[in-house]
Amino acid sequence: MDEKEIQSFLITSSVVLVSLVVTMIFLFLIFQKRKNKLLIEQKEAERHFEKEISKAQIEIREQILRNISWELHDNIGQLLTLAKIQVQSHTGLDDVKETLNISLKELRSLAKLVHPDILKHKLLTEIIALEIERFNRLNVIKAKLKVIGEPVKLNAKKELIFFRILQEFFSNTIKHAKASKLYVELNYGAKDLTIMVEDNGQGFETNEQACSGIGLSNIKSRIKLINAKADFVSKPNEGTKLTITYKY
């Protein structure tokens, strides 16, 4: 190989090497840009998740306070008023004792919902059971809960979201659906949890406008937030059914 060929080889090799270095730098910069973008998106998603958790916590507490206020006024308040009337009318002591005992029992049931960390220390099934028991105790609606499989303690924040979703469904059922029956089923499988809740209320057309109109859009957005899947089935005068599937 003569001198010109050597120089040509060196020049070509240098150009190739520089091109490779430039390409590697370019690819590295693209990688870093995408990485930074993903990190920003991840942090934004985390902020959004925490914001929704805080919002759900506030809504749950507000709903519990509304329930407590209603029970104190319309349930326990009426029982204590009855006891007062019984005393003033010189009703038998046994009747007064019975009324006061019922009042104390109602207060104890109410106290279970007042604990600020109730969602941290109980399984999702236990919290829902308290709600179902309350509905039946107060004759709000005839409700039933069925649990299949061995309950699994999920991430506390996700359980909070599940409870808020069900709380919203219960609220819609009682306030708007004019239902007389409510059925809740939690099926704990080996790899996933299926939650099914349905009522026998007046139902609705499952179009976008109708769903947003009765607050079901909140349920859908929160189901998406925890990477679960949901299926709504409802028709006018045929009740509403919500099925949620969540993989562990």
Protein backbone atom coordinates (compact mmCIF):
# COMPACT_ATOMS: atom_id res chain seq x y z
CA MET A 1 0.00 0.00 0.00
CA ASP A 2 1.56 3.30 -1.12
CA GLU A 3 1.51 6.60 0.82
CA LYS A 4 -1.54 7.98 -1.00
CA GLU A 5 -3.56 4.87 -0.26
CA ILE A 6 -2.53 5.05 3.39
CA GLN A 7 -3.57 8.71 3.59
CA SER A 8 -6.84 7.95 1.85
CA PHE A 9 -7.47 5.06 4.26
CA LEU A 10 -6.70 7.25 7.26
CA ILE A 11 -8.96 10.04 6.01
CA THR A 12 -11.78 7.59 5.31
CA SER A 13 -11.32 5.93 8.70
CA SER A 14 -11.32 9.32 10.41
CA VAL A 15 -14.51 10.38 8.63
CA VAL A 16 -16.18 7.08 9.54
CA LEU A 17 -15.02 7.39 13.14
CA VAL A 18 -16.18 11.00 13.42
CA SER A 19 -19.51 10.04 11.86
CA LEU A 20 -19.91 7.22 14.35
CA VAL A 21 -19.06 9.53 17.26
CA VAL A 22 -21.47 12.20 16.01
CA THR A 23 -24.18 9.57 15.50
CA MET A 24 -23.61 8.15 18.99
CA ILE A 25 -23.77 11.64 20.51
CA PHE A 26 -26.93 12.38 18.56
CA LEU A 27 -28.55 9.10 19.65
CA PHE A 28 -27.46 9.74 23.24
CA LEU A 29 -29.03 13.21 23.19
CA ILE A 30 -32.27 11.76 21.77
CA PHE A 31 -32.22 9.05 24.46
CA GLN A 32 -31.65 11.64 27.19
CA LYS A 33 -34.42 13.84 25.83
CA ARG A 34 -36.87 10.93 25.76
CA LYS A 35 -35.72 9.81 29.20
CA ASN A 36 -36.26 13.28 30.62
CA LYS A 37 -39.66 13.46 28.95
CA LEU A 38 -40.64 10.11 30.45
CA LEU A 39 -39.43 11.21 33.89
CA ILE A 40 -41.44 14.43 33.62
CA GLU A 41 -44.52 12.48 32.51
CA GLN A 42 -44.00 9.97 35.33
CA LYS A 43 -43.73 12.75 37.93
CA GLU A 44 -46.78 14.45 36.46
CA ALA A 45 -48.71 11.16 36.62
CA GLU A 46 -47.61 10.69 40.25
CA ARG A 47 -48.72 14.24 41.12
CA HIS A 48 -52.06 13.64 39.42
CA PHE A 49 -52.49 10.33 41.27
CA GLU A 50 -51.70 11.93 44.65
CA LYS A 51 -54.04 14.80 43.85
CA GLU A 52 -56.85 12.36 43.08
CA ILE A 53 -56.08 10.41 46.26
CA SER A 54 -56.35 13.59 48.32
CA LYS A 55 -59.57 14.52 46.54
CA ALA A 56 -61.04 11.07 47.17
CA GLN A 57 -60.06 11.24 50.86
CA ILE A 58 -61.81 14.58 51.23
CA GLU A 59 -64.93 13.31 49.43
CA ILE A 60 -65.05 10.17 51.60
CA ARG A 61 -64.76 12.23 54.79
CA GLU A 62 -67.43 14.65 53.58
CA GLN A 63 -69.77 11.75 52.76
CA ILE A 64 -69.13 10.15 56.16
CA LEU A 65 -69.83 13.47 57.90
CA ARG A 66 -73.07 13.85 55.95
CA ASN A 67 -74.04 10.31 56.97
CA ILE A 68 -73.21 11.03 60.61
CA SER A 69 -75.15 14.30 60.55
CA TRP A 70 -78.18 12.57 59.04
CA GLU A 71 -78.06 9.71 61.55
CA LEU A 72 -77.66 12.03 64.53
CA HIS A 73 -80.61 14.13 63.44
CA ASP A 74 -83.03 11.67 61.88
CA ASN A 75 -82.22 8.45 63.68
CA ILE A 76 -80.54 8.88 67.05
CA GLY A 77 -82.17 12.26 67.60
CA GLN A 78 -85.61 10.75 67.10
CA LEU A 79 -84.81 7.87 69.47
CA LEU A 80 -83.70 10.27 72.21
CA THR A 81 -86.80 12.40 71.62
CA LEU A 82 -88.90 9.26 72.00
CA ALA A 83 -87.12 8.43 75.27
CA LYS A 84 -87.84 11.95 76.54
CA ILE A 85 -91.51 11.62 75.61
CA GLN A 86 -91.65 8.23 77.32
CA VAL A 87 -90.19 9.72 80.51
CA GLN A 88 -92.57 12.70 80.44
CA SER A 89 -95.58 10.45 79.86
CA HIS A 90 -94.47 8.15 82.69
CA THR A 91 -94.11 5.19 80.34
CA GLY A 92 -92.76 2.04 81.93
CA LEU A 93 -89.07 2.07 82.84
CA ASP A 94 -88.42 -0.99 80.69
CA ASP A 95 -89.64 0.83 77.57
CA VAL A 96 -87.40 3.81 78.31
CA LYS A 97 -84.42 1.50 78.90
CA GLU A 98 -85.10 -0.28 75.62
CA THR A 99 -85.20 3.00 73.70
CA LEU A 100 -81.96 4.17 75.32
CA ASN A 101 -80.29 0.83 74.63
CA ILE A 102 -81.23 1.11 70.95
CA SER A 103 -79.84 4.67 70.95
CA LEU A 104 -76.52 3.47 72.44
CA LYS A 105 -76.33 0.65 69.89
CA GLU A 106 -76.88 3.14 67.08
CA LEU A 107 -74.17 5.42 68.51
CA ARG A 108 -71.69 2.52 68.67
CA SER A 109 -72.44 1.62 65.05
CA LEU A 110 -71.97 5.26 64.09
CA ALA A 111 -68.66 5.47 65.99
CA LYS A 112 -67.18 2.77 63.74
CA LEU A 113 -67.33 5.21 60.83
CA VAL A 114 -65.84 8.17 62.72
CA HIS A 115 -62.31 6.79 63.17
CA PRO A 116 -60.01 8.89 60.91
CA ASP A 117 -57.81 5.93 59.90
CA ILE A 118 -60.61 3.44 59.32
CA LEU A 119 -59.51 2.82 55.74
CA LYS A 120 -55.92 2.08 56.81
CA HIS A 121 -56.73 -0.58 59.35
CA LYS A 122 -59.54 -2.50 57.66
CA LEU A 123 -59.86 -4.53 54.48
CA LEU A 124 -61.95 -3.20 51.63
CA THR A 125 -64.48 -5.95 52.34
CA GLU A 126 -64.83 -4.79 55.96
CA ILE A 127 -65.43 -1.15 55.01
CA ILE A 128 -68.04 -2.12 52.43
CA ALA A 129 -69.66 -4.45 54.97
CA LEU A 130 -70.06 -1.48 57.34
CA GLU A 131 -71.83 0.47 54.59
CA ILE A 132 -74.12 -2.46 53.74
CA GLU A 133 -74.91 -2.97 57.43
CA ARG A 134 -75.74 0.72 57.77
CA PHE A 135 -78.11 0.66 54.79
CA ASN A 136 -79.98 -2.33 56.21
CA ARG A 137 -79.99 -1.02 59.78
CA LEU A 138 -81.53 2.27 58.72
CA ASN A 139 -83.84 0.70 56.12
CA VAL A 140 -82.34 2.95 53.44
CA ILE A 141 -82.31 0.10 50.94
CA LYS A 142 -82.27 -3.70 51.10
CA ALA A 143 -78.57 -4.42 50.57
CA LYS A 144 -76.47 -7.57 50.36
CA LEU A 145 -72.71 -8.20 50.22
CA LYS A 146 -71.09 -11.42 49.00
CA VAL A 147 -67.35 -12.10 49.21
CA ILE A 148 -65.85 -14.94 47.15
CA GLY A 149 -62.33 -16.21 47.82
CA GLU A 150 -59.82 -15.05 50.42
CA PRO A 151 -59.71 -11.22 50.69
CA VAL A 152 -56.37 -9.71 49.68
CA LYS A 153 -55.07 -6.51 51.24
CA LEU A 154 -54.35 -4.23 48.29
CA ASN A 155 -52.38 -1.01 48.17
CA ALA A 156 -54.08 1.31 50.68
CA LYS A 157 -54.41 4.16 48.18
CA LYS A 158 -56.00 1.91 45.58
CA GLU A 159 -58.41 0.47 48.14
CA LEU A 160 -59.39 4.05 48.98
CA ILE A 161 -60.14 4.70 45.30
CA PHE A 162 -62.19 1.48 45.08
CA PHE A 163 -64.19 2.48 48.15
CA ARG A 164 -64.84 5.97 46.79
CA ILE A 165 -66.01 4.48 43.47
CA LEU A 166 -68.45 2.22 45.29
CA GLN A 167 -69.51 5.06 47.59
CA GLU A 168 -70.42 7.13 44.52
CA PHE A 169 -72.35 4.21 43.02
CA PHE A 170 -74.23 3.74 46.32
CA SER A 171 -75.04 7.45 46.43
CA ASN A 172 -76.39 7.39 42.87
CA THR A 173 -78.44 4.28 43.65
CA ILE A 174 -80.03 5.77 46.77
CA LYS A 175 -80.50 9.36 45.57
CA HIS A 176 -81.35 8.95 41.91
CA ALA A 177 -82.11 5.36 40.92
CA LYS A 178 -85.15 4.88 43.21
CA ALA A 179 -83.94 1.33 43.79
CA SER A 180 -85.18 -1.00 46.50
CA LYS A 181 -82.32 -3.52 46.28
CA LEU A 182 -78.53 -3.25 46.13
CA TYR A 183 -76.15 -6.18 45.60
CA VAL A 184 -72.37 -6.08 45.93
CA GLU A 185 -70.00 -8.93 45.12
CA LEU A 186 -66.22 -9.04 45.57
CA ASN A 187 -64.51 -12.00 43.91
CA TYR A 188 -60.86 -12.46 44.92
CA GLY A 189 -59.20 -14.68 42.33
CA ALA A 190 -55.61 -15.88 42.11
CA LYS A 191 -54.54 -13.00 39.87
CA ASP A 192 -57.32 -10.45 39.95
CA LEU A 193 -60.19 -8.91 41.87
CA THR A 194 -63.63 -8.56 40.31
CA ILE A 195 -66.09 -6.18 41.92
CA MET A 196 -69.69 -6.31 40.78
CA VAL A 197 -72.34 -3.94 42.10
CA GLU A 198 -75.90 -3.64 40.82
CA ASP A 199 -79.25 -2.18 41.77
CA ASN A 200 -82.83 -2.66 40.57
CA GLY A 201 -83.46 1.04 40.05
CA GLN A 202 -84.80 2.99 37.12
CA GLY A 203 -81.58 2.74 35.12
CA PHE A 204 -80.47 5.09 32.36
CA GLU A 205 -79.25 5.26 28.79
CA THR A 206 -75.51 4.55 28.81
CA ASN A 207 -74.56 7.37 26.49
CA GLU A 208 -71.81 9.87 27.29
CA GLN A 209 -74.17 12.70 28.26
CA ALA A 210 -76.22 10.55 30.62
CA CYS A 211 -73.14 9.14 32.35
CA SER A 212 -71.62 12.55 32.97
CA GLY A 213 -74.96 13.90 34.09
CA ILE A 214 -75.22 11.56 37.08
CA GLY A 215 -71.56 11.65 38.06
CA LEU A 216 -70.50 8.33 36.55
CA SER A 217 -67.73 10.10 34.66
CA ASN A 218 -65.91 10.41 38.01
CA ILE A 219 -66.15 6.66 38.46
CA LYS A 220 -64.73 6.02 34.98
CA SER A 221 -61.80 8.41 35.42
CA ARG A 222 -60.87 6.86 38.77
CA ILE A 223 -61.04 3.34 37.40
CA LYS A 224 -58.62 4.43 34.68
CA LEU A 225 -56.39 6.04 37.32
CA ILE A 226 -55.73 2.69 39.04
CA ASN A 227 -55.36 0.75 35.76
CA ALA A 228 -58.53 -1.22 36.27
CA LYS A 229 -61.25 -2.03 33.75
CA ALA A 230 -64.94 -1.26 34.09
CA ASP A 231 -68.11 -2.24 32.34
CA PHE A 232 -71.42 -0.40 32.79
CA VAL A 233 -74.68 -2.10 31.91
CA SER A 234 -77.89 -0.13 32.33
CA LYS A 235 -81.23 0.35 30.63
CA PRO A 236 -84.24 2.45 31.60
CA ASN A 237 -86.36 0.60 34.19
CA GLU A 238 -83.89 -2.32 34.28
CA GLY A 239 -81.40 -1.16 36.90
CA THR A 240 -77.67 -0.53 36.69
CA LYS A 241 -74.72 -2.90 36.93
CA LEU A 242 -71.06 -1.98 37.27
CA THR A 243 -68.31 -4.60 36.95
CA ILE A 244 -64.71 -3.69 37.82
CA THR A 245 -61.74 -5.93 37.08
CA TYR A 246 -58.37 -5.25 38.67
CA LYS A 247 -55.22 -7.37 38.21
CA TYR A 248 -52.97 -7.64 41.28
